[in-house]
Structures are given as C-alpha cells and as structure tokens.
Amino acid sequence: TPVVVKAGIDQDFKINAAQLEAAITPKTKAVMICSPSNPTGSVYSKEE
C-alpha cells in the first residue's frame, strides 16, 4: 500500500521529520526518497 506523504511548494517539495514520523505505522515496511528529485528538482541537504 503506497502511503503518500506530501510536501508542497511552500516546503520546496521536501518532507520533514515530523511528517515522516507521523506516517509510520506498525505496517510500514519501507520509505522511498529521491534526491535530487524527479519531478521537482528538489535536493535534500545534509541537515534535512
């Protein structure tokens, strides 16, 4: 089951730690991230 955690343009299309934590359930098996990103071109910094 895909669980979409969305970040809008106001977040430069990057999810944050609080959003990730909130999305985790006992059923969570994996997280998929892409940086630099397709489709947004956003890049996660080392701190992020």
All heavy atoms as atom14 arrays in JSON, in Angstrom:
{
  "sequence": "TPVVVKAGIDQDFKINAAQLEAAITPKTKAVMICSPSNPTGSVYSKEE",
  "atom14_mask": [
    [1, 1, 1, 1, 1, 1, 1, 0, 0, 0, 0, 0, 0, 0],
    [1, 1, 1, 1, 1, 1, 1, 0, 0, 0, 0, 0, 0, 0],
    [1, 1, 1, 1, 1, 1, 1, 0, 0, 0, 0, 0, 0, 0],
    [1, 1, 1, 1, 1, 1, 1, 0, 0, 0, 0, 0, 0, 0],
    [1, 1, 1, 1, 1, 1, 1, 0, 0, 0, 0, 0, 0, 0],
    [1, 1, 1, 1, 1, 1, 1, 1, 1, 0, 0, 0, 0, 0],
    [1, 1, 1, 1, 1, 0, 0, 0, 0, 0, 0, 0, 0, 0],
    [1, 1, 1, 1, 0, 0, 0, 0, 0, 0, 0, 0, 0, 0],
    [1, 1, 1, 1, 1, 1, 1, 1, 0, 0, 0, 0, 0, 0],
    [1, 1, 1, 1, 1, 1, 1, 1, 0, 0, 0, 0, 0, 0],
    [1, 1, 1, 1, 1, 1, 1, 1, 1, 0, 0, 0, 0, 0],
    [1, 1, 1, 1, 1, 1, 1, 1, 0, 0, 0, 0, 0, 0],
    [1, 1, 1, 1, 1, 1, 1, 1, 1, 1, 1, 0, 0, 0],
    [1, 1, 1, 1, 1, 1, 1, 1, 1, 0, 0, 0, 0, 0],
    [1, 1, 1, 1, 1, 1, 1, 1, 0, 0, 0, 0, 0, 0],
    [1, 1, 1, 1, 1, 1, 1, 1, 0, 0, 0, 0, 0, 0],
    [1, 1, 1, 1, 1, 0, 0, 0, 0, 0, 0, 0, 0, 0],
    [1, 1, 1, 1, 1, 0, 0, 0, 0, 0, 0, 0, 0, 0],
    [1, 1, 1, 1, 1, 1, 1, 1, 1, 0, 0, 0, 0, 0],
    [1, 1, 1, 1, 1, 1, 1, 1, 0, 0, 0, 0, 0, 0],
    [1, 1, 1, 1, 1, 1, 1, 1, 1, 0, 0, 0, 0, 0],
    [1, 1, 1, 1, 1, 0, 0, 0, 0, 0, 0, 0, 0, 0],
    [1, 1, 1, 1, 1, 0, 0, 0, 0, 0, 0, 0, 0, 0],
    [1, 1, 1, 1, 1, 1, 1, 1, 0, 0, 0, 0, 0, 0],
    [1, 1, 1, 1, 1, 1, 1, 0, 0, 0, 0, 0, 0, 0],
    [1, 1, 1, 1, 1, 1, 1, 0, 0, 0, 0, 0, 0, 0],
    [1, 1, 1, 1, 1, 1, 1, 1, 1, 0, 0, 0, 0, 0],
    [1, 1, 1, 1, 1, 1, 1, 0, 0, 0, 0, 0, 0, 0],
    [1, 1, 1, 1, 1, 1, 1, 1, 1, 0, 0, 0, 0, 0],
    [1, 1, 1, 1, 1, 0, 0, 0, 0, 0, 0, 0, 0, 0],
    [1, 1, 1, 1, 1, 1, 1, 0, 0, 0, 0, 0, 0, 0],
    [1, 1, 1, 1, 1, 1, 1, 1, 0, 0, 0, 0, 0, 0],
    [1, 1, 1, 1, 1, 1, 1, 1, 0, 0, 0, 0, 0, 0],
    [1, 1, 1, 1, 1, 1, 0, 0, 0, 0, 0, 0, 0, 0],
    [1, 1, 1, 1, 1, 1, 0, 0, 0, 0, 0, 0, 0, 0],
    [1, 1, 1, 1, 1, 1, 1, 0, 0, 0, 0, 0, 0, 0],
    [1, 1, 1, 1, 1, 1, 0, 0, 0, 0, 0, 0, 0, 0],
    [1, 1, 1, 1, 1, 1, 1, 1, 0, 0, 0, 0, 0, 0],
    [1, 1, 1, 1, 1, 1, 1, 0, 0, 0, 0, 0, 0, 0],
    [1, 1, 1, 1, 1, 1, 1, 0, 0, 0, 0, 0, 0, 0],
    [1, 1, 1, 1, 0, 0, 0, 0, 0, 0, 0, 0, 0, 0],
    [1, 1, 1, 1, 1, 1, 0, 0, 0, 0, 0, 0, 0, 0],
    [1, 1, 1, 1, 1, 1, 1, 0, 0, 0, 0, 0, 0, 0],
    [1, 1, 1, 1, 1, 1, 1, 1, 1, 1, 1, 1, 0, 0],
    [1, 1, 1, 1, 1, 1, 0, 0, 0, 0, 0, 0, 0, 0],
    [1, 1, 1, 1, 1, 1, 1, 1, 1, 0, 0, 0, 0, 0],
    [1, 1, 1, 1, 1, 1, 1, 1, 1, 0, 0, 0, 0, 0],
    [1, 1, 1, 1, 1, 1, 1, 1, 1, 0, 0, 0, 0, 0]
  ],
  "atom14_positions": [
    [[0.85, -1.2, 0.0], [0.0, 0.0, 0.0], [0.88, 1.24, 0.0], [1.64, 1.46, 0.96], [-0.91, 0.03, 1.24], [-1.71, -1.15, 1.27], [-1.8, 1.27, 1.24], [0.0, 0.0, 0.0], [0.0, 0.0, 0.0], [0.0, 0.0, 0.0], [0.0, 0.0, 0.0], [0.0, 0.0, 0.0], [0.0, 0.0, 0.0], [0.0, 0.0, 0.0]],
    [[0.81, 2.07, -1.05], [1.57, 3.32, -1.04], [0.97, 4.29, -0.04], [-0.26, 4.5, 0.0], [1.41, 3.85, -2.47], [0.81, 2.73, -3.27], [0.06, 1.87, -2.31], [0.0, 0.0, 0.0], [0.0, 0.0, 0.0], [0.0, 0.0, 0.0], [0.0, 0.0, 0.0], [0.0, 0.0, 0.0], [0.0, 0.0, 0.0], [0.0, 0.0, 0.0]],
    [[1.81, 4.87, 0.8], [1.38, 5.9, 1.75], [2.08, 7.19, 1.34], [3.3, 7.33, 1.5], [1.75, 5.51, 3.19], [1.39, 6.65, 4.15], [1.04, 4.22, 3.6], [0.0, 0.0, 0.0], [0.0, 0.0, 0.0], [0.0, 0.0, 0.0], [0.0, 0.0, 0.0], [0.0, 0.0, 0.0], [0.0, 0.0, 0.0], [0.0, 0.0, 0.0]],
    [[1.31, 8.11, 0.81], [1.87, 9.34, 0.26], [2.0, 10.39, 1.34], [1.02, 10.75, 2.0], [1.0, 9.86, -0.9], [1.5, 11.21, -1.38], [1.0, 8.86, -2.05], [0.0, 0.0, 0.0], [0.0, 0.0, 0.0], [0.0, 0.0, 0.0], [0.0, 0.0, 0.0], [0.0, 0.0, 0.0], [0.0, 0.0, 0.0], [0.0, 0.0, 0.0]],
    [[3.23, 10.87, 1.54], [3.48, 11.98, 2.46], [3.89, 13.16, 1.6], [4.95, 13.15, 0.98], [4.59, 11.64, 3.48], [4.87, 12.84, 4.37], [4.17, 10.44, 4.31], [0.0, 0.0, 0.0], [0.0, 0.0, 0.0], [0.0, 0.0, 0.0], [0.0, 0.0, 0.0], [0.0, 0.0, 0.0], [0.0, 0.0, 0.0], [0.0, 0.0, 0.0]],
    [[3.03, 14.16, 1.58], [3.21, 15.23, 0.59], [3.84, 16.48, 1.18], [3.52, 16.91, 2.29], [1.86, 15.59, -0.04], [1.98, 16.62, -1.15], [0.66, 16.85, -1.86], [0.84, 17.91, -2.93], [-0.4, 18.18, -3.68], [0.0, 0.0, 0.0], [0.0, 0.0, 0.0], [0.0, 0.0, 0.0], [0.0, 0.0, 0.0], [0.0, 0.0, 0.0]],
    [[4.73, 17.06, 0.38], [5.3, 18.38, 0.69], [5.02, 19.28, -0.5], [5.32, 18.92, -1.64], [6.8, 18.27, 0.93], [0.0, 0.0, 0.0], [0.0, 0.0, 0.0], [0.0, 0.0, 0.0], [0.0, 0.0, 0.0], [0.0, 0.0, 0.0], [0.0, 0.0, 0.0], [0.0, 0.0, 0.0], [0.0, 0.0, 0.0], [0.0, 0.0, 0.0]],
    [[4.43, 20.43, -0.23], [4.09, 21.36, -1.3], [5.23, 22.3, -1.64], [6.33, 22.21, -1.07], [0.0, 0.0, 0.0], [0.0, 0.0, 0.0], [0.0, 0.0, 0.0], [0.0, 0.0, 0.0], [0.0, 0.0, 0.0], [0.0, 0.0, 0.0], [0.0, 0.0, 0.0], [0.0, 0.0, 0.0], [0.0, 0.0, 0.0], [0.0, 0.0, 0.0]],
    [[4.93, 23.22, -2.53], [5.95, 24.16, -2.98], [6.43, 25.05, -1.83], [7.58, 25.51, -1.83], [5.42, 25.0, -4.16], [6.58, 25.69, -4.9], [4.37, 26.0, -3.71], [6.17, 26.3, -6.23], [0.0, 0.0, 0.0], [0.0, 0.0, 0.0], [0.0, 0.0, 0.0], [0.0, 0.0, 0.0], [0.0, 0.0, 0.0], [0.0, 0.0, 0.0]],
    [[5.59, 25.24, -0.81], [5.98, 26.04, 0.35], [7.08, 25.38, 1.16], [7.79, 26.04, 1.92], [4.75, 26.31, 1.24], [4.09, 25.03, 1.72], [3.91, 24.12, 0.89], [3.77, 24.94, 2.91], [0.0, 0.0, 0.0], [0.0, 0.0, 0.0], [0.0, 0.0, 0.0], [0.0, 0.0, 0.0], [0.0, 0.0, 0.0], [0.0, 0.0, 0.0]],
    [[7.23, 24.04, 1.02], [8.31, 23.3, 1.66], [9.4, 22.94, 0.67], [10.25, 22.09, 0.95], [7.77, 22.0, 2.28], [6.84, 22.19, 3.46], [6.31, 20.86, 3.99], [5.11, 20.69, 4.2], [7.19, 19.89, 4.2], [0.0, 0.0, 0.0], [0.0, 0.0, 0.0], [0.0, 0.0, 0.0], [0.0, 0.0, 0.0], [0.0, 0.0, 0.0]],
    [[9.37, 23.56, -0.48], [10.31, 23.24, -1.56], [10.19, 21.77, -1.94], [11.15, 21.13, -2.35], [11.75, 23.58, -1.15], [12.64, 23.82, -2.36], [12.12, 24.18, -3.43], [13.86, 23.63, -2.25], [0.0, 0.0, 0.0], [0.0, 0.0, 0.0], [0.0, 0.0, 0.0], [0.0, 0.0, 0.0], [0.0, 0.0, 0.0], [0.0, 0.0, 0.0]],
    [[8.98, 21.23, -1.75], [8.64, 19.85, -2.12], [9.44, 18.8, -1.34], [9.64, 17.69, -1.83], [8.82, 19.63, -3.63], [7.99, 20.54, -4.49], [8.6, 21.47, -5.31], [6.61, 20.45, -4.5], [7.85, 22.3, -6.14], [5.84, 21.27, -5.33], [6.47, 22.21, -6.14], [0.0, 0.0, 0.0], [0.0, 0.0, 0.0], [0.0, 0.0, 0.0]],
    [[9.91, 19.13, -0.12], [10.67, 18.17, 0.68], [9.95, 17.89, 1.99], [9.6, 18.81, 2.72], [12.08, 18.74, 0.96], [12.94, 18.88, -0.29], [14.34, 19.39, 0.02], [14.37, 20.87, 0.3], [15.76, 21.38, 0.42], [0.0, 0.0, 0.0], [0.0, 0.0, 0.0], [0.0, 0.0, 0.0], [0.0, 0.0, 0.0], [0.0, 0.0, 0.0]],
    [[9.74, 16.61, 2.3], [9.07, 16.26, 3.54], [10.03, 16.48, 4.71], [11.25, 16.48, 4.54], [8.54, 14.81, 3.54], [9.7, 13.79, 3.57], [7.64, 14.56, 2.34], [9.25, 12.37, 3.88], [0.0, 0.0, 0.0], [0.0, 0.0, 0.0], [0.0, 0.0, 0.0], [0.0, 0.0, 0.0], [0.0, 0.0, 0.0], [0.0, 0.0, 0.0]],
    [[9.46, 16.65, 5.9], [10.3, 16.84, 7.09], [10.15, 15.66, 8.05], [9.32, 14.77, 7.85], [9.98, 18.17, 7.78], [8.51, 18.28, 8.19], [7.92, 17.32, 8.69], [7.92, 19.46, 7.99], [0.0, 0.0, 0.0], [0.0, 0.0, 0.0], [0.0, 0.0, 0.0], [0.0, 0.0, 0.0], [0.0, 0.0, 0.0], [0.0, 0.0, 0.0]],
    [[10.95, 15.69, 9.08], [10.99, 14.58, 10.03], [9.65, 14.35, 10.73], [9.24, 13.21, 10.95], [12.09, 14.82, 11.06], [0.0, 0.0, 0.0], [0.0, 0.0, 0.0], [0.0, 0.0, 0.0], [0.0, 0.0, 0.0], [0.0, 0.0, 0.0], [0.0, 0.0, 0.0], [0.0, 0.0, 0.0], [0.0, 0.0, 0.0], [0.0, 0.0, 0.0]],
    [[8.96, 15.44, 11.06], [7.67, 15.31, 11.75], [6.64, 14.61, 10.86], [5.88, 13.75, 11.33], [7.16, 16.69, 12.17], [0.0, 0.0, 0.0], [0.0, 0.0, 0.0], [0.0, 0.0, 0.0], [0.0, 0.0, 0.0], [0.0, 0.0, 0.0], [0.0, 0.0, 0.0], [0.0, 0.0, 0.0], [0.0, 0.0, 0.0], [0.0, 0.0, 0.0]],
    [[6.64, 14.96, 9.57], [5.72, 14.3, 8.64], [6.04, 12.82, 8.51], [5.14, 11.97, 8.47], [5.81, 14.95, 7.26], [5.21, 16.35, 7.16], [5.4, 16.92, 5.77], [6.52, 17.23, 5.37], [4.32, 17.06, 5.03], [0.0, 0.0, 0.0], [0.0, 0.0, 0.0], [0.0, 0.0, 0.0], [0.0, 0.0, 0.0], [0.0, 0.0, 0.0]],
    [[7.33, 12.5, 8.42], [7.73, 11.1, 8.3], [7.32, 10.31, 9.53], [6.72, 9.23, 9.43], [9.25, 11.02, 8.1], [9.86, 9.62, 8.07], [9.27, 8.8, 6.93], [11.38, 9.71, 7.93], [0.0, 0.0, 0.0], [0.0, 0.0, 0.0], [0.0, 0.0, 0.0], [0.0, 0.0, 0.0], [0.0, 0.0, 0.0], [0.0, 0.0, 0.0]],
    [[7.6, 10.85, 10.7], [7.26, 10.17, 11.95], [5.76, 9.91, 12.04], [5.32, 8.83, 12.44], [7.72, 11.01, 13.14], [7.51, 10.36, 14.5], [8.54, 9.29, 14.81], [9.68, 9.63, 15.18], [8.18, 8.1, 14.69], [0.0, 0.0, 0.0], [0.0, 0.0, 0.0], [0.0, 0.0, 0.0], [0.0, 0.0, 0.0], [0.0, 0.0, 0.0]],
    [[4.97, 10.91, 11.63], [3.51, 10.79, 11.72], [2.96, 9.72, 10.78], [1.88, 9.17, 11.03], [2.86, 12.14, 11.42], [0.0, 0.0, 0.0], [0.0, 0.0, 0.0], [0.0, 0.0, 0.0], [0.0, 0.0, 0.0], [0.0, 0.0, 0.0], [0.0, 0.0, 0.0], [0.0, 0.0, 0.0], [0.0, 0.0, 0.0], [0.0, 0.0, 0.0]],
    [[3.67, 9.43, 9.7], [3.18, 8.48, 8.7], [3.52, 7.04, 9.04], [2.95, 6.11, 8.45], [3.75, 8.83, 7.33], [0.0, 0.0, 0.0], [0.0, 0.0, 0.0], [0.0, 0.0, 0.0], [0.0, 0.0, 0.0], [0.0, 0.0, 0.0], [0.0, 0.0, 0.0], [0.0, 0.0, 0.0], [0.0, 0.0, 0.0], [0.0, 0.0, 0.0]],
    [[4.43, 6.83, 9.97], [4.87, 5.47, 10.31], [3.81, 4.75, 11.13], [3.28, 5.29, 12.1], [6.22, 5.52, 11.06], [7.32, 6.0, 10.12], [6.56, 4.15, 11.64], [8.65, 6.25, 10.8], [0.0, 0.0, 0.0], [0.0, 0.0, 0.0], [0.0, 0.0, 0.0], [0.0, 0.0, 0.0], [0.0, 0.0, 0.0], [0.0, 0.0, 0.0]],
    [[3.5, 3.52, 10.72], [2.56, 2.66, 11.44], [3.22, 1.29, 11.62], [4.29, 1.02, 11.06], [1.24, 2.48, 10.65], [1.47, 1.56, 9.57], [0.72, 3.8, 10.11], [0.0, 0.0, 0.0], [0.0, 0.0, 0.0], [0.0, 0.0, 0.0], [0.0, 0.0, 0.0], [0.0, 0.0, 0.0], [0.0, 0.0, 0.0], [0.0, 0.0, 0.0]],
    [[2.59, 0.4, 12.38], [3.13, -0.96, 12.51], [3.25, -1.7, 11.17], [3.99, -2.68, 11.07], [2.13, -1.65, 13.44], [1.56, -0.54, 14.26], [1.46, 0.62, 13.32], [0.0, 0.0, 0.0], [0.0, 0.0, 0.0], [0.0, 0.0, 0.0], [0.0, 0.0, 0.0], [0.0, 0.0, 0.0], [0.0, 0.0, 0.0], [0.0, 0.0, 0.0]],
    [[2.55, -1.21, 10.15], [2.58, -1.86, 8.83], [3.67, -1.3, 7.91], [3.89, -1.82, 6.81], [1.23, -1.73, 8.14], [0.1, -2.47, 8.81], [-1.19, -2.33, 8.0], [-2.33, -3.11, 8.65], [-3.59, -2.97, 7.86], [0.0, 0.0, 0.0], [0.0, 0.0, 0.0], [0.0, 0.0, 0.0], [0.0, 0.0, 0.0], [0.0, 0.0, 0.0]],
    [[4.35, -0.25, 8.34], [5.35, 0.39, 7.47], [6.54, -0.53, 7.26], [7.18, -0.97, 8.21], [5.83, 1.72, 8.08], [4.72, 2.57, 8.32], [6.8, 2.41, 7.13], [0.0, 0.0, 0.0], [0.0, 0.0, 0.0], [0.0, 0.0, 0.0], [0.0, 0.0, 0.0], [0.0, 0.0, 0.0], [0.0, 0.0, 0.0], [0.0, 0.0, 0.0]],
    [[6.85, -0.8, 6.0], [7.98, -1.66, 5.66], [9.15, -0.89, 5.06], [10.31, -1.27, 5.22], [7.52, -2.73, 4.65], [8.55, -3.83, 4.39], [8.86, -4.59, 5.67], [9.75, -5.8, 5.44], [9.03, -6.94, 4.84], [0.0, 0.0, 0.0], [0.0, 0.0, 0.0], [0.0, 0.0, 0.0], [0.0, 0.0, 0.0], [0.0, 0.0, 0.0]],
    [[8.84, 0.2, 4.36], [9.92, 0.93, 3.67], [9.52, 2.37, 3.44], [8.34, 2.73, 3.51], [10.28, 0.25, 2.35], [0.0, 0.0, 0.0], [0.0, 0.0, 0.0], [0.0, 0.0, 0.0], [0.0, 0.0, 0.0], [0.0, 0.0, 0.0], [0.0, 0.0, 0.0], [0.0, 0.0, 0.0], [0.0, 0.0, 0.0], [0.0, 0.0, 0.0]],
    [[10.55, 3.18, 3.18], [10.39, 4.58, 2.78], [11.18, 4.76, 1.49], [12.32, 4.29, 1.38], [10.93, 5.54, 3.85], [10.81, 6.99, 3.39], [10.2, 5.34, 5.17], [0.0, 0.0, 0.0], [0.0, 0.0, 0.0], [0.0, 0.0, 0.0], [0.0, 0.0, 0.0], [0.0, 0.0, 0.0], [0.0, 0.0, 0.0], [0.0, 0.0, 0.0]],
    [[10.58, 5.44, 0.51], [11.28, 5.72, -0.74], [11.49, 7.22, -0.88], [10.54, 8.01, -0.78], [10.49, 5.19, -1.94], [10.29, 3.69, -1.92], [9.35, 3.06, -3.35], [10.61, 3.13, -4.65], [0.0, 0.0, 0.0], [0.0, 0.0, 0.0], [0.0, 0.0, 0.0], [0.0, 0.0, 0.0], [0.0, 0.0, 0.0], [0.0, 0.0, 0.0]],
    [[12.77, 7.61, -1.06], [13.09, 9.02, -1.26], [13.96, 9.15, -2.51], [14.62, 8.2, -2.92], [13.81, 9.64, -0.04], [15.16, 8.96, 0.2], [12.94, 9.59, 1.2], [15.99, 9.65, 1.27], [0.0, 0.0, 0.0], [0.0, 0.0, 0.0], [0.0, 0.0, 0.0], [0.0, 0.0, 0.0], [0.0, 0.0, 0.0], [0.0, 0.0, 0.0]],
    [[13.94, 10.35, -3.09], [14.72, 10.61, -4.3], [15.31, 12.01, -4.2], [14.58, 12.99, -4.09], [13.81, 10.51, -5.53], [14.63, 10.81, -7.11], [0.0, 0.0, 0.0], [0.0, 0.0, 0.0], [0.0, 0.0, 0.0], [0.0, 0.0, 0.0], [0.0, 0.0, 0.0], [0.0, 0.0, 0.0], [0.0, 0.0, 0.0], [0.0, 0.0, 0.0]],
    [[16.63, 12.07, -4.21], [17.32, 13.37, -4.13], [18.61, 13.3, -4.92], [19.43, 12.41, -4.66], [17.61, 13.72, -2.67], [18.31, 14.94, -2.56], [0.0, 0.0, 0.0], [0.0, 0.0, 0.0], [0.0, 0.0, 0.0], [0.0, 0.0, 0.0], [0.0, 0.0, 0.0], [0.0, 0.0, 0.0], [0.0, 0.0, 0.0], [0.0, 0.0, 0.0]],
    [[18.78, 14.21, -5.88], [17.83, 15.19, -6.43], [16.58, 14.5, -6.97], [16.63, 13.35, -7.39], [18.62, 15.86, -7.55], [20.06, 15.7, -7.16], [20.12, 14.35, -6.51], [0.0, 0.0, 0.0], [0.0, 0.0, 0.0], [0.0, 0.0, 0.0], [0.0, 0.0, 0.0], [0.0, 0.0, 0.0], [0.0, 0.0, 0.0], [0.0, 0.0, 0.0]],
    [[15.49, 15.24, -6.94], [14.18, 14.64, -7.15], [13.65, 14.75, -8.58], [13.76, 15.78, -9.22], [13.16, 15.31, -6.21], [11.84, 15.01, -6.6], [0.0, 0.0, 0.0], [0.0, 0.0, 0.0], [0.0, 0.0, 0.0], [0.0, 0.0, 0.0], [0.0, 0.0, 0.0], [0.0, 0.0, 0.0], [0.0, 0.0, 0.0], [0.0, 0.0, 0.0]],
    [[13.06, 13.68, -9.01], [12.12, 13.67, -10.13], [10.75, 13.51, -9.48], [10.53, 12.51, -8.79], [12.42, 12.48, -11.06], [11.43, 12.36, -12.2], [10.57, 13.2, -12.39], [11.55, 11.27, -12.95], [0.0, 0.0, 0.0], [0.0, 0.0, 0.0], [0.0, 0.0, 0.0], [0.0, 0.0, 0.0], [0.0, 0.0, 0.0], [0.0, 0.0, 0.0]],
    [[9.86, 14.5, -9.57], [9.74, 15.5, -10.64], [10.12, 16.93, -10.25], [9.99, 17.83, -11.08], [8.24, 15.46, -10.91], [7.65, 15.3, -9.53], [8.59, 14.37, -8.8], [0.0, 0.0, 0.0], [0.0, 0.0, 0.0], [0.0, 0.0, 0.0], [0.0, 0.0, 0.0], [0.0, 0.0, 0.0], [0.0, 0.0, 0.0], [0.0, 0.0, 0.0]],
    [[10.54, 17.17, -9.02], [10.6, 18.57, -8.55], [11.95, 19.23, -8.72], [12.05, 20.46, -8.68], [10.22, 18.63, -7.06], [11.25, 17.99, -6.29], [8.88, 17.95, -6.79], [0.0, 0.0, 0.0], [0.0, 0.0, 0.0], [0.0, 0.0, 0.0], [0.0, 0.0, 0.0], [0.0, 0.0, 0.0], [0.0, 0.0, 0.0], [0.0, 0.0, 0.0]],
    [[13.02, 18.45, -8.83], [14.37, 19.02, -8.83], [14.86, 19.42, -7.46], [15.95, 19.96, -7.31], [0.0, 0.0, 0.0], [0.0, 0.0, 0.0], [0.0, 0.0, 0.0], [0.0, 0.0, 0.0], [0.0, 0.0, 0.0], [0.0, 0.0, 0.0], [0.0, 0.0, 0.0], [0.0, 0.0, 0.0], [0.0, 0.0, 0.0], [0.0, 0.0, 0.0]],
    [[14.08, 19.13, -6.42], [14.48, 19.49, -5.06], [15.61, 18.57, -4.59], [15.7, 17.41, -4.97], [13.3, 19.38, -4.1], [12.31, 20.32, -4.44], [0.0, 0.0, 0.0], [0.0, 0.0, 0.0], [0.0, 0.0, 0.0], [0.0, 0.0, 0.0], [0.0, 0.0, 0.0], [0.0, 0.0, 0.0], [0.0, 0.0, 0.0], [0.0, 0.0, 0.0]],
    [[16.48, 19.11, -3.74], [17.63, 18.38, -3.21], [17.63, 18.49, -1.69], [17.57, 19.58, -1.13], [18.95, 18.96, -3.78], [20.14, 18.22, -3.19], [18.96, 18.88, -5.31], [0.0, 0.0, 0.0], [0.0, 0.0, 0.0], [0.0, 0.0, 0.0], [0.0, 0.0, 0.0], [0.0, 0.0, 0.0], [0.0, 0.0, 0.0], [0.0, 0.0, 0.0]],
    [[17.68, 17.34, -1.03], [17.74, 17.33, 0.43], [19.16, 17.69, 0.89], [20.14, 17.14, 0.39], [17.36, 15.96, 0.99], [15.88, 15.68, 0.97], [15.25, 15.17, -0.17], [15.09, 15.92, 2.09], [13.9, 14.9, -0.19], [13.73, 15.66, 2.09], [13.13, 15.15, 0.94], [11.78, 14.89, 0.92], [0.0, 0.0, 0.0], [0.0, 0.0, 0.0]],
    [[19.25, 18.61, 1.84], [20.54, 18.98, 2.41], [20.99, 17.91, 3.4], [20.2, 17.04, 3.81], [20.43, 20.33, 3.13], [19.61, 20.18, 4.29], [0.0, 0.0, 0.0], [0.0, 0.0, 0.0], [0.0, 0.0, 0.0], [0.0, 0.0, 0.0], [0.0, 0.0, 0.0], [0.0, 0.0, 0.0], [0.0, 0.0, 0.0], [0.0, 0.0, 0.0]],
    [[22.24, 18.0, 3.82], [22.76, 17.06, 4.81], [21.95, 17.14, 6.1], [21.63, 16.12, 6.72], [24.23, 17.36, 5.09], [24.86, 16.41, 6.1], [26.35, 16.68, 6.27], [26.98, 15.7, 7.25], [28.44, 15.9, 7.38], [0.0, 0.0, 0.0], [0.0, 0.0, 0.0], [0.0, 0.0, 0.0], [0.0, 0.0, 0.0], [0.0, 0.0, 0.0]],
    [[21.6, 18.35, 6.5], [20.83, 18.54, 7.74], [19.43, 17.94, 7.61], [18.93, 17.32, 8.57], [20.74, 20.03, 8.06], [22.06, 20.69, 8.43], [23.02, 20.87, 7.26], [22.53, 20.95, 6.09], [24.25, 20.91, 7.48], [0.0, 0.0, 0.0], [0.0, 0.0, 0.0], [0.0, 0.0, 0.0], [0.0, 0.0, 0.0], [0.0, 0.0, 0.0]],
    [[18.81, 18.12, 6.47], [17.47, 17.55, 6.26], [17.51, 16.03, 6.26], [16.64, 15.37, 6.85], [16.89, 18.09, 4.95], [16.5, 19.56, 5.02], [16.29, 20.2, 3.67], [16.82, 19.68, 2.65], [15.59, 21.23, 3.61], [0.0, 0.0, 0.0], [0.0, 0.0, 0.0], [0.0, 0.0, 0.0], [0.0, 0.0, 0.0], [0.0, 0.0, 0.0]]
  ]
}
